[in-house]
Amino acid sequence: MVAVTVLLAVFLGTKIILSGLYLKSTTFKISSPALAMAEENKSLPKKATSLDKELGKKKTELDAREKGLKEKETELRSLQEKIDARMAELNDLQTKLTKFAKQLGDKEKAMKDSQMAHLVALYSAMEPGKAAAVMDKLNMETVVSILRYMKGKNAGKIMDMMAPDRGAKISEALSKHN
């Protein structure tokens, strides 16, 4: 083992001496940092410059794409504002139409009530026998509506003059509507 250690020490010593001699015989010429950079740039492979060109091209493409996206975003924002304005208009119109439909329904109901009040007054003013004879020719729904709004005493006199089966059907319909 000692022999191997000695052999290894001799080998290392020889290597150190030879490396020193080699370094002494080689001279380095570095006159300036700029010249050193130029020498280093010459040694760069052509791939690096083509990679720089490709990266520059990609950057240009990405910049153009980003610009296009910003323009689209501006357009979309403008369109969204227009849509929001239209939606507000539509909501206002819907509110107005709903209000108008309610008013129209109220007027229609008032008109029907007015017409019904007129019919009730008309049949109440008639003699019960004549009113019963006319009501026998009307449809059941109309008769029920008229009798529902009449005073009980007048309605009773008219129903008394009707045929019993017709009076029973009217009574049944009146009880269902109340």
N, C-alpha and C. Protein backbone atom coordinates (compact mmCIF):
# COMPACT_ATOMS: atom_id res chain seq x y z
N MET A 1 0.81 -1.16 0.00
CA MET A 1 0.00 0.00 0.00
C MET A 1 0.87 1.25 0.00
N VAL A 2 1.97 1.19 0.68
CA VAL A 2 2.90 2.31 0.72
C VAL A 2 3.47 2.53 -0.68
N ALA A 3 3.72 1.46 -1.39
CA ALA A 3 4.27 1.56 -2.73
C ALA A 3 3.28 2.26 -3.66
N VAL A 4 2.02 1.99 -3.52
CA VAL A 4 1.00 2.62 -4.36
C VAL A 4 0.93 4.10 -4.03
N THR A 5 1.02 4.49 -2.79
CA THR A 5 0.97 5.87 -2.38
C THR A 5 2.16 6.63 -2.94
N VAL A 6 3.34 6.03 -2.87
CA VAL A 6 4.54 6.67 -3.39
C VAL A 6 4.41 6.83 -4.90
N LEU A 7 3.93 5.79 -5.57
CA LEU A 7 3.76 5.84 -7.01
C LEU A 7 2.76 6.94 -7.40
N LEU A 8 1.72 7.06 -6.67
CA LEU A 8 0.71 8.07 -6.92
C LEU A 8 1.28 9.46 -6.69
N ALA A 9 2.08 9.68 -5.68
CA ALA A 9 2.70 10.97 -5.39
C ALA A 9 3.66 11.35 -6.49
N VAL A 10 4.43 10.38 -7.02
CA VAL A 10 5.36 10.66 -8.10
C VAL A 10 4.57 11.05 -9.35
N PHE A 11 3.51 10.34 -9.63
CA PHE A 11 2.69 10.60 -10.81
C PHE A 11 2.08 12.01 -10.75
N LEU A 12 1.56 12.41 -9.61
CA LEU A 12 0.97 13.74 -9.43
C LEU A 12 2.02 14.83 -9.55
N GLY A 13 3.15 14.60 -9.00
CA GLY A 13 4.24 15.58 -9.09
C GLY A 13 4.67 15.79 -10.52
N THR A 14 4.77 14.73 -11.27
CA THR A 14 5.15 14.81 -12.68
C THR A 14 4.09 15.60 -13.45
N LYS A 15 2.85 15.33 -13.17
CA LYS A 15 1.75 16.01 -13.88
C LYS A 15 1.78 17.51 -13.59
N ILE A 16 2.05 17.89 -12.38
CA ILE A 16 2.10 19.30 -12.00
C ILE A 16 3.24 19.99 -12.72
N ILE A 17 4.38 19.36 -12.79
CA ILE A 17 5.55 19.95 -13.45
C ILE A 17 5.26 20.14 -14.93
N LEU A 18 4.69 19.11 -15.59
CA LEU A 18 4.39 19.19 -17.02
C LEU A 18 3.34 20.28 -17.30
N SER A 19 2.35 20.41 -16.45
CA SER A 19 1.31 21.45 -16.64
C SER A 19 1.93 22.83 -16.52
N GLY A 20 2.85 23.01 -15.61
CA GLY A 20 3.52 24.30 -15.44
C GLY A 20 4.33 24.66 -16.67
N LEU A 21 5.06 23.68 -17.22
CA LEU A 21 5.84 23.93 -18.41
C LEU A 21 4.95 24.30 -19.59
N TYR A 22 3.83 23.63 -19.73
CA TYR A 22 2.91 23.91 -20.83
C TYR A 22 2.34 25.32 -20.72
N LEU A 23 1.97 25.73 -19.53
CA LEU A 23 1.41 27.05 -19.33
C LEU A 23 2.45 28.13 -19.60
N LYS A 24 3.71 27.89 -19.31
CA LYS A 24 4.77 28.87 -19.55
C LYS A 24 4.98 29.07 -21.03
N SER A 25 4.85 27.99 -21.79
CA SER A 25 5.10 28.10 -23.21
C SER A 25 3.92 28.75 -23.95
N THR A 26 2.72 28.75 -23.42
CA THR A 26 1.55 29.35 -24.06
C THR A 26 1.42 30.78 -23.57
N THR A 27 1.26 31.70 -24.54
CA THR A 27 1.08 33.11 -24.18
C THR A 27 -0.34 33.54 -24.50
N PHE A 28 -0.90 34.33 -23.63
CA PHE A 28 -2.25 34.85 -23.83
C PHE A 28 -2.14 36.28 -24.32
N LYS A 29 -2.91 36.57 -25.38
CA LYS A 29 -2.90 37.92 -25.92
C LYS A 29 -4.29 38.53 -25.68
N ILE A 30 -4.43 39.34 -24.69
CA ILE A 30 -5.68 40.07 -24.45
C ILE A 30 -5.26 41.52 -24.35
N SER A 31 -5.52 42.24 -25.41
CA SER A 31 -5.10 43.62 -25.41
C SER A 31 -6.16 44.54 -24.80
N SER A 32 -7.46 44.20 -24.98
CA SER A 32 -8.51 45.04 -24.40
C SER A 32 -9.77 44.20 -24.18
N PRO A 33 -10.68 44.66 -23.31
CA PRO A 33 -11.92 43.91 -23.09
C PRO A 33 -12.78 43.86 -24.34
N ALA A 34 -12.78 44.94 -25.13
CA ALA A 34 -13.59 44.97 -26.35
C ALA A 34 -13.12 43.91 -27.32
N LEU A 35 -11.79 43.78 -27.44
CA LEU A 35 -11.23 42.77 -28.33
C LEU A 35 -11.57 41.38 -27.83
N ALA A 36 -11.55 41.21 -26.53
CA ALA A 36 -11.90 39.91 -25.96
C ALA A 36 -13.35 39.57 -26.25
N MET A 37 -14.26 40.57 -26.17
CA MET A 37 -15.68 40.34 -26.46
C MET A 37 -15.88 40.00 -27.92
N ALA A 38 -15.13 40.68 -28.77
CA ALA A 38 -15.25 40.41 -30.20
C ALA A 38 -14.80 39.00 -30.50
N GLU A 39 -13.71 38.57 -29.87
CA GLU A 39 -13.23 37.20 -30.06
C GLU A 39 -14.26 36.19 -29.57
N GLU A 40 -14.89 36.51 -28.44
CA GLU A 40 -15.88 35.60 -27.88
C GLU A 40 -17.11 35.52 -28.79
N ASN A 41 -17.53 36.68 -29.33
CA ASN A 41 -18.70 36.70 -30.23
C ASN A 41 -18.43 35.92 -31.51
N LYS A 42 -17.18 35.95 -31.99
CA LYS A 42 -16.84 35.17 -33.18
C LYS A 42 -16.98 33.69 -32.93
N SER A 43 -16.74 33.33 -31.69
CA SER A 43 -16.77 31.91 -31.39
C SER A 43 -18.19 31.40 -31.15
N LEU A 44 -19.17 32.31 -30.99
CA LEU A 44 -20.56 31.86 -30.79
C LEU A 44 -21.04 31.14 -32.04
N PRO A 45 -21.77 30.09 -31.87
CA PRO A 45 -22.24 29.37 -33.05
C PRO A 45 -23.33 30.17 -33.77
N LYS A 46 -23.50 29.84 -35.04
CA LYS A 46 -24.51 30.53 -35.85
C LYS A 46 -25.92 30.28 -35.32
N LYS A 47 -26.10 29.21 -34.59
CA LYS A 47 -27.42 28.88 -34.03
C LYS A 47 -27.91 29.98 -33.09
N ALA A 48 -26.99 30.56 -32.34
CA ALA A 48 -27.38 31.61 -31.39
C ALA A 48 -27.95 32.80 -32.12
N THR A 49 -27.35 33.20 -33.22
CA THR A 49 -27.88 34.35 -33.95
C THR A 49 -29.21 34.01 -34.60
N SER A 50 -29.36 32.79 -35.11
CA SER A 50 -30.65 32.41 -35.70
C SER A 50 -31.71 32.30 -34.60
N LEU A 51 -31.30 31.89 -33.41
CA LEU A 51 -32.22 31.83 -32.28
C LEU A 51 -32.67 33.24 -31.89
N ASP A 52 -31.72 34.19 -31.92
CA ASP A 52 -32.07 35.59 -31.64
C ASP A 52 -33.06 36.11 -32.66
N LYS A 53 -32.83 35.78 -33.94
CA LYS A 53 -33.75 36.22 -34.99
C LYS A 53 -35.14 35.61 -34.78
N GLU A 54 -35.16 34.33 -34.45
CA GLU A 54 -36.45 33.64 -34.23
C GLU A 54 -37.18 34.23 -33.03
N LEU A 55 -36.43 34.51 -31.97
CA LEU A 55 -37.04 35.14 -30.79
C LEU A 55 -37.57 36.53 -31.11
N GLY A 56 -36.82 37.28 -31.91
CA GLY A 56 -37.27 38.61 -32.33
C GLY A 56 -38.55 38.52 -33.14
N LYS A 57 -38.59 37.54 -34.04
CA LYS A 57 -39.79 37.33 -34.87
C LYS A 57 -40.99 36.97 -33.99
N LYS A 58 -40.79 36.06 -33.04
CA LYS A 58 -41.86 35.66 -32.12
C LYS A 58 -42.34 36.85 -31.29
N LYS A 59 -41.40 37.67 -30.84
CA LYS A 59 -41.77 38.85 -30.05
C LYS A 59 -42.62 39.80 -30.89
N THR A 60 -42.23 39.98 -32.15
CA THR A 60 -43.00 40.85 -33.05
C THR A 60 -44.41 40.29 -33.24
N GLU A 61 -44.49 38.98 -33.45
CA GLU A 61 -45.80 38.34 -33.62
C GLU A 61 -46.65 38.50 -32.36
N LEU A 62 -46.04 38.27 -31.20
CA LEU A 62 -46.77 38.40 -29.94
C LEU A 62 -47.23 39.84 -29.70
N ASP A 63 -46.38 40.79 -30.04
CA ASP A 63 -46.75 42.20 -29.90
C ASP A 63 -47.94 42.53 -30.80
N ALA A 64 -47.90 42.04 -32.03
CA ALA A 64 -49.00 42.29 -32.97
C ALA A 64 -50.28 41.63 -32.47
N ARG A 65 -50.13 40.43 -31.96
CA ARG A 65 -51.30 39.71 -31.43
C ARG A 65 -51.89 40.43 -30.22
N GLU A 66 -51.01 40.90 -29.34
CA GLU A 66 -51.46 41.64 -28.17
C GLU A 66 -52.20 42.92 -28.58
N LYS A 67 -51.67 43.60 -29.57
CA LYS A 67 -52.32 44.81 -30.08
C LYS A 67 -53.71 44.47 -30.63
N GLY A 68 -53.79 43.38 -31.40
CA GLY A 68 -55.08 42.94 -31.95
C GLY A 68 -56.07 42.60 -30.85
N LEU A 69 -55.58 41.92 -29.81
CA LEU A 69 -56.45 41.56 -28.69
C LEU A 69 -56.95 42.80 -27.95
N LYS A 70 -56.09 43.79 -27.79
CA LYS A 70 -56.51 45.02 -27.12
C LYS A 70 -57.58 45.73 -27.94
N GLU A 71 -57.41 45.73 -29.29
CA GLU A 71 -58.42 46.35 -30.16
C GLU A 71 -59.75 45.60 -30.04
N LYS A 72 -59.69 44.27 -30.05
CA LYS A 72 -60.91 43.45 -29.90
C LYS A 72 -61.56 43.72 -28.55
N GLU A 73 -60.75 43.82 -27.52
CA GLU A 73 -61.27 44.09 -26.19
C GLU A 73 -62.00 45.44 -26.15
N THR A 74 -61.42 46.43 -26.81
CA THR A 74 -62.06 47.75 -26.89
C THR A 74 -63.38 47.65 -27.64
N GLU A 75 -63.39 46.92 -28.76
CA GLU A 75 -64.62 46.72 -29.52
C GLU A 75 -65.68 46.02 -28.67
N LEU A 76 -65.25 44.95 -27.97
CA LEU A 76 -66.19 44.20 -27.15
C LEU A 76 -66.75 45.06 -26.02
N ARG A 77 -65.92 45.88 -25.43
CA ARG A 77 -66.38 46.77 -24.36
C ARG A 77 -67.44 47.72 -24.91
N SER A 78 -67.19 48.26 -26.11
CA SER A 78 -68.13 49.17 -26.75
C SER A 78 -69.45 48.45 -27.05
N LEU A 79 -69.35 47.24 -27.59
CA LEU A 79 -70.56 46.45 -27.88
C LEU A 79 -71.32 46.12 -26.60
N GLN A 80 -70.60 45.79 -25.54
CA GLN A 80 -71.25 45.47 -24.26
C GLN A 80 -72.02 46.67 -23.74
N GLU A 81 -71.43 47.86 -23.89
CA GLU A 81 -72.11 49.08 -23.45
C GLU A 81 -73.39 49.29 -24.26
N LYS A 82 -73.31 49.04 -25.57
CA LYS A 82 -74.51 49.17 -26.42
C LYS A 82 -75.58 48.16 -26.02
N ILE A 83 -75.15 46.94 -25.76
CA ILE A 83 -76.11 45.90 -25.35
C ILE A 83 -76.75 46.27 -24.02
N ASP A 84 -75.95 46.76 -23.09
CA ASP A 84 -76.50 47.16 -21.79
C ASP A 84 -77.52 48.28 -21.94
N ALA A 85 -77.22 49.23 -22.84
CA ALA A 85 -78.16 50.34 -23.08
C ALA A 85 -79.45 49.81 -23.69
N ARG A 86 -79.34 48.89 -24.63
CA ARG A 86 -80.53 48.31 -25.26
C ARG A 86 -81.35 47.52 -24.25
N MET A 87 -80.66 46.79 -23.38
CA MET A 87 -81.36 46.01 -22.36
C MET A 87 -82.13 46.94 -21.42
N ALA A 88 -81.52 48.05 -21.08
CA ALA A 88 -82.20 49.03 -20.22
C ALA A 88 -83.44 49.57 -20.93
N GLU A 89 -83.31 49.86 -22.23
CA GLU A 89 -84.46 50.33 -23.00
C GLU A 89 -85.56 49.27 -23.02
N LEU A 90 -85.16 48.02 -23.26
CA LEU A 90 -86.15 46.94 -23.30
C LEU A 90 -86.83 46.76 -21.94
N ASN A 91 -86.08 46.87 -20.88
CA ASN A 91 -86.67 46.75 -19.54
C ASN A 91 -87.66 47.87 -19.29
N ASP A 92 -87.32 49.09 -19.73
CA ASP A 92 -88.24 50.22 -19.58
C ASP A 92 -89.52 49.98 -20.38
N LEU A 93 -89.34 49.50 -21.63
CA LEU A 93 -90.51 49.21 -22.45
C LEU A 93 -91.38 48.11 -21.83
N GLN A 94 -90.74 47.10 -21.30
CA GLN A 94 -91.49 46.01 -20.67
C GLN A 94 -92.27 46.55 -19.47
N THR A 95 -91.65 47.40 -18.69
CA THR A 95 -92.33 47.99 -17.53
C THR A 95 -93.53 48.81 -17.99
N LYS A 96 -93.33 49.62 -19.04
CA LYS A 96 -94.43 50.44 -19.56
C LYS A 96 -95.55 49.57 -20.11
N LEU A 97 -95.19 48.51 -20.84
CA LEU A 97 -96.22 47.62 -21.40
C LEU A 97 -96.99 46.90 -20.30
N THR A 98 -96.29 46.48 -19.27
CA THR A 98 -96.96 45.81 -18.16
C THR A 98 -97.94 46.76 -17.48
N LYS A 99 -97.49 47.99 -17.28
CA LYS A 99 -98.34 49.01 -16.66
C LYS A 99 -99.56 49.29 -17.55
N PHE A 100 -99.32 49.40 -18.87
CA PHE A 100 -100.40 49.66 -19.81
C PHE A 100 -101.40 48.50 -19.83
N ALA A 101 -100.88 47.26 -19.82
CA ALA A 101 -101.76 46.08 -19.83
C ALA A 101 -102.61 46.04 -18.56
N LYS A 102 -102.03 46.42 -17.44
CA LYS A 102 -102.78 46.44 -16.18
C LYS A 102 -103.88 47.51 -16.26
N GLN A 103 -103.52 48.68 -16.78
CA GLN A 103 -104.52 49.75 -16.92
C GLN A 103 -105.64 49.31 -17.86
N LEU A 104 -105.27 48.67 -18.96
CA LEU A 104 -106.25 48.19 -19.93
C LEU A 104 -107.17 47.15 -19.29
N GLY A 105 -106.56 46.24 -18.52
CA GLY A 105 -107.35 45.23 -17.81
C GLY A 105 -108.30 45.88 -16.81
N ASP A 106 -107.81 46.88 -16.09
CA ASP A 106 -108.67 47.58 -15.12
C ASP A 106 -109.83 48.29 -15.82
N LYS A 107 -109.52 48.92 -16.98
CA LYS A 107 -110.58 49.60 -17.72
C LYS A 107 -111.60 48.61 -18.26
N GLU A 108 -111.10 47.47 -18.74
CA GLU A 108 -112.01 46.44 -19.25
C GLU A 108 -112.91 45.91 -18.15
N LYS A 109 -112.31 45.69 -16.98
CA LYS A 109 -113.10 45.20 -15.84
C LYS A 109 -114.13 46.26 -15.42
N ALA A 110 -113.70 47.51 -15.42
CA ALA A 110 -114.63 48.59 -15.06
C ALA A 110 -115.77 48.68 -16.07
N MET A 111 -115.43 48.48 -17.36
CA MET A 111 -116.46 48.53 -18.39
C MET A 111 -117.43 47.37 -18.24
N LYS A 112 -116.88 46.18 -17.97
CA LYS A 112 -117.74 45.01 -17.75
C LYS A 112 -118.63 45.23 -16.54
N ASP A 113 -118.03 45.75 -15.47
CA ASP A 113 -118.81 46.02 -14.26
C ASP A 113 -119.90 47.05 -14.56
N SER A 114 -119.57 48.03 -15.35
CA SER A 114 -120.54 49.06 -15.73
C SER A 114 -121.66 48.45 -16.56
N GLN A 115 -121.29 47.60 -17.50
CA GLN A 115 -122.31 46.93 -18.32
C GLN A 115 -123.17 46.01 -17.46
N MET A 116 -122.49 45.30 -16.55
CA MET A 116 -123.25 44.40 -15.67
C MET A 116 -124.17 45.20 -14.77
N ALA A 117 -123.70 46.31 -14.25
CA ALA A 117 -124.55 47.15 -13.41
C ALA A 117 -125.76 47.65 -14.19
N HIS A 118 -125.53 47.96 -15.46
CA HIS A 118 -126.64 48.40 -16.31
C HIS A 118 -127.65 47.26 -16.51
N LEU A 119 -127.15 46.05 -16.79
CA LEU A 119 -128.05 44.90 -16.96
C LEU A 119 -128.81 44.58 -15.67
N VAL A 120 -128.09 44.65 -14.55
CA VAL A 120 -128.74 44.40 -13.25
C VAL A 120 -129.86 45.41 -13.02
N ALA A 121 -129.57 46.68 -13.28
CA ALA A 121 -130.59 47.72 -13.11
C ALA A 121 -131.76 47.49 -14.07
N LEU A 122 -131.45 47.08 -15.30
CA LEU A 122 -132.48 46.83 -16.30
C LEU A 122 -133.40 45.70 -15.87
N TYR A 123 -132.83 44.56 -15.49
CA TYR A 123 -133.64 43.40 -15.09
C TYR A 123 -134.34 43.63 -13.75
N SER A 124 -133.73 44.42 -12.88
CA SER A 124 -134.38 44.74 -11.60
C SER A 124 -135.61 45.62 -11.81
N ALA A 125 -135.56 46.45 -12.83
CA ALA A 125 -136.69 47.35 -13.11
C ALA A 125 -137.84 46.62 -13.79
N MET A 126 -137.56 45.47 -14.43
CA MET A 126 -138.61 44.72 -15.13
C MET A 126 -139.49 43.98 -14.13
N GLU A 127 -140.66 43.61 -14.61
CA GLU A 127 -141.52 42.75 -13.80
C GLU A 127 -140.84 41.39 -13.72
N PRO A 128 -140.92 40.70 -12.59
CA PRO A 128 -140.23 39.42 -12.41
C PRO A 128 -140.59 38.39 -13.48
N GLY A 129 -141.82 38.31 -13.89
CA GLY A 129 -142.24 37.32 -14.89
C GLY A 129 -141.58 37.59 -16.23
N LYS A 130 -141.55 38.86 -16.67
CA LYS A 130 -140.94 39.20 -17.96
C LYS A 130 -139.42 39.00 -17.90
N ALA A 131 -138.82 39.37 -16.78
CA ALA A 131 -137.38 39.19 -16.62
C ALA A 131 -137.03 37.71 -16.67
N ALA A 132 -137.85 36.85 -16.01
CA ALA A 132 -137.62 35.40 -16.02
C ALA A 132 -137.76 34.85 -17.43
N ALA A 133 -138.73 35.32 -18.19
CA ALA A 133 -138.94 34.84 -19.55
C ALA A 133 -137.74 35.18 -20.43
N VAL A 134 -137.20 36.39 -20.29
CA VAL A 134 -136.03 36.78 -21.09
C VAL A 134 -134.80 35.99 -20.63
N MET A 135 -134.63 35.81 -19.34
CA MET A 135 -133.46 35.10 -18.81
C MET A 135 -133.48 33.63 -19.18
N ASP A 136 -134.66 33.07 -19.41
CA ASP A 136 -134.74 31.67 -19.84
C ASP A 136 -134.07 31.49 -21.20
N LYS A 137 -133.99 32.53 -21.99
CA LYS A 137 -133.40 32.45 -23.33
C LYS A 137 -131.90 32.78 -23.33
N LEU A 138 -131.39 33.31 -22.23
CA LEU A 138 -129.96 33.65 -22.12
C LEU A 138 -129.16 32.42 -21.69
N ASN A 139 -127.85 32.45 -21.97
CA ASN A 139 -127.03 31.31 -21.51
C ASN A 139 -126.85 31.39 -20.00
N MET A 140 -126.54 30.26 -19.43
CA MET A 140 -126.48 30.09 -17.97
C MET A 140 -125.48 31.06 -17.33
N GLU A 141 -124.33 31.23 -17.94
CA GLU A 141 -123.28 32.08 -17.37
C GLU A 141 -123.74 33.54 -17.25
N THR A 142 -124.42 34.02 -18.26
CA THR A 142 -124.90 35.40 -18.25
C THR A 142 -125.95 35.59 -17.17
N VAL A 143 -126.88 34.63 -17.08
CA VAL A 143 -127.95 34.71 -16.07
C VAL A 143 -127.35 34.70 -14.67
N VAL A 144 -126.38 33.82 -14.45
CA VAL A 144 -125.74 33.72 -13.13
C VAL A 144 -125.04 35.04 -12.79
N SER A 145 -124.34 35.64 -13.76
CA SER A 145 -123.66 36.92 -13.52
C SER A 145 -124.65 38.02 -13.15
N ILE A 146 -125.76 38.08 -13.86
CA ILE A 146 -126.76 39.12 -13.58
C ILE A 146 -127.36 38.93 -12.20
N LEU A 147 -127.78 37.69 -11.91
CA LEU A 147 -128.44 37.42 -10.61
C LEU A 147 -127.48 37.59 -9.44
N ARG A 148 -126.18 37.34 -9.66
CA ARG A 148 -125.21 37.48 -8.57
C ARG A 148 -125.13 38.93 -8.09
N TYR A 149 -125.28 39.88 -8.99
CA TYR A 149 -125.18 41.30 -8.63
C TYR A 149 -126.52 41.93 -8.23
N MET A 150 -127.61 41.19 -8.39
CA MET A 150 -128.93 41.71 -8.00
C MET A 150 -129.14 41.59 -6.51
N LYS A 151 -130.02 42.43 -6.01
CA LYS A 151 -130.42 42.28 -4.61
C LYS A 151 -131.15 40.95 -4.49
N GLY A 152 -131.00 40.34 -3.34
CA GLY A 152 -131.57 39.01 -3.12
C GLY A 152 -133.06 38.94 -3.35
N LYS A 153 -133.80 39.98 -2.94
CA LYS A 153 -135.26 39.98 -3.06
C LYS A 153 -135.67 39.97 -4.54
N ASN A 154 -135.03 40.83 -5.37
CA ASN A 154 -135.34 40.88 -6.80
C ASN A 154 -134.95 39.58 -7.49
N ALA A 155 -133.78 39.05 -7.19
CA ALA A 155 -133.32 37.81 -7.79
C ALA A 155 -134.25 36.66 -7.43
N GLY A 156 -134.72 36.65 -6.18
CA GLY A 156 -135.64 35.59 -5.74
C GLY A 156 -136.96 35.64 -6.49
N LYS A 157 -137.49 36.83 -6.71
CA LYS A 157 -138.76 36.96 -7.44
C LYS A 157 -138.61 36.47 -8.88
N ILE A 158 -137.49 36.79 -9.52
CA ILE A 158 -137.27 36.36 -10.91
C ILE A 158 -137.11 34.84 -10.97
N MET A 159 -136.33 34.27 -10.05
CA MET A 159 -136.12 32.82 -10.05
C MET A 159 -137.41 32.08 -9.73
N ASP A 160 -138.27 32.70 -8.97
CA ASP A 160 -139.56 32.11 -8.63
C ASP A 160 -140.40 31.93 -9.90
N MET A 161 -140.22 32.78 -10.88
CA MET A 161 -141.00 32.74 -12.11
C MET A 161 -140.38 31.78 -13.16
N MET A 162 -139.19 31.26 -12.91
CA MET A 162 -138.52 30.37 -13.86
C MET A 162 -138.97 28.94 -13.64
N ALA A 163 -138.71 28.10 -14.64
CA ALA A 163 -139.00 26.67 -14.50
C ALA A 163 -138.13 26.12 -13.38
N PRO A 164 -138.66 25.18 -12.57
CA PRO A 164 -137.92 24.67 -11.41
C PRO A 164 -136.55 24.08 -11.76
N ASP A 165 -136.45 23.33 -12.87
CA ASP A 165 -135.16 22.73 -13.19
C ASP A 165 -134.13 23.80 -13.59
N ARG A 166 -134.58 24.82 -14.30
CA ARG A 166 -133.68 25.92 -14.68
C ARG A 166 -133.26 26.70 -13.42
N GLY A 167 -134.19 26.96 -12.52
CA GLY A 167 -133.90 27.65 -11.26
C GLY A 167 -132.90 26.87 -10.41
N ALA A 168 -133.02 25.53 -10.41
CA ALA A 168 -132.11 24.68 -9.64
C ALA A 168 -130.69 24.77 -10.21
N LYS A 169 -130.60 24.73 -11.55
CA LYS A 169 -129.27 24.82 -12.18
C LYS A 169 -128.63 26.17 -11.90
N ILE A 170 -129.45 27.23 -11.95
CA ILE A 170 -128.93 28.58 -11.68
C ILE A 170 -128.47 28.68 -10.23
N SER A 171 -129.27 28.13 -9.31
CA SER A 171 -128.91 28.14 -7.89
C SER A 171 -127.59 27.41 -7.66
N GLU A 172 -127.43 26.27 -8.33
CA GLU A 172 -126.20 25.49 -8.19
C GLU A 172 -125.01 26.29 -8.73
N ALA A 173 -125.18 26.93 -9.88
CA ALA A 173 -124.10 27.73 -10.44
C ALA A 173 -123.78 28.92 -9.56
N LEU A 174 -124.78 29.55 -8.97
CA LEU A 174 -124.55 30.68 -8.06
C LEU A 174 -123.76 30.24 -6.83
N SER A 175 -124.04 29.05 -6.33
CA SER A 175 -123.34 28.58 -5.13
C SER A 175 -121.88 28.26 -5.44
N LYS A 176 -121.58 27.85 -6.67
CA LYS A 176 -120.20 27.54 -7.05
C LYS A 176 -119.38 28.82 -7.24
N HIS A 177 -119.97 29.88 -7.68
CA HIS A 177 -119.25 31.12 -7.95
C HIS A 177 -118.99 31.92 -6.69
N ASN A 178 -119.71 31.66 -5.64
CA ASN A 178 -119.50 32.44 -4.41
C ASN A 178 -118.40 31.87 -3.67
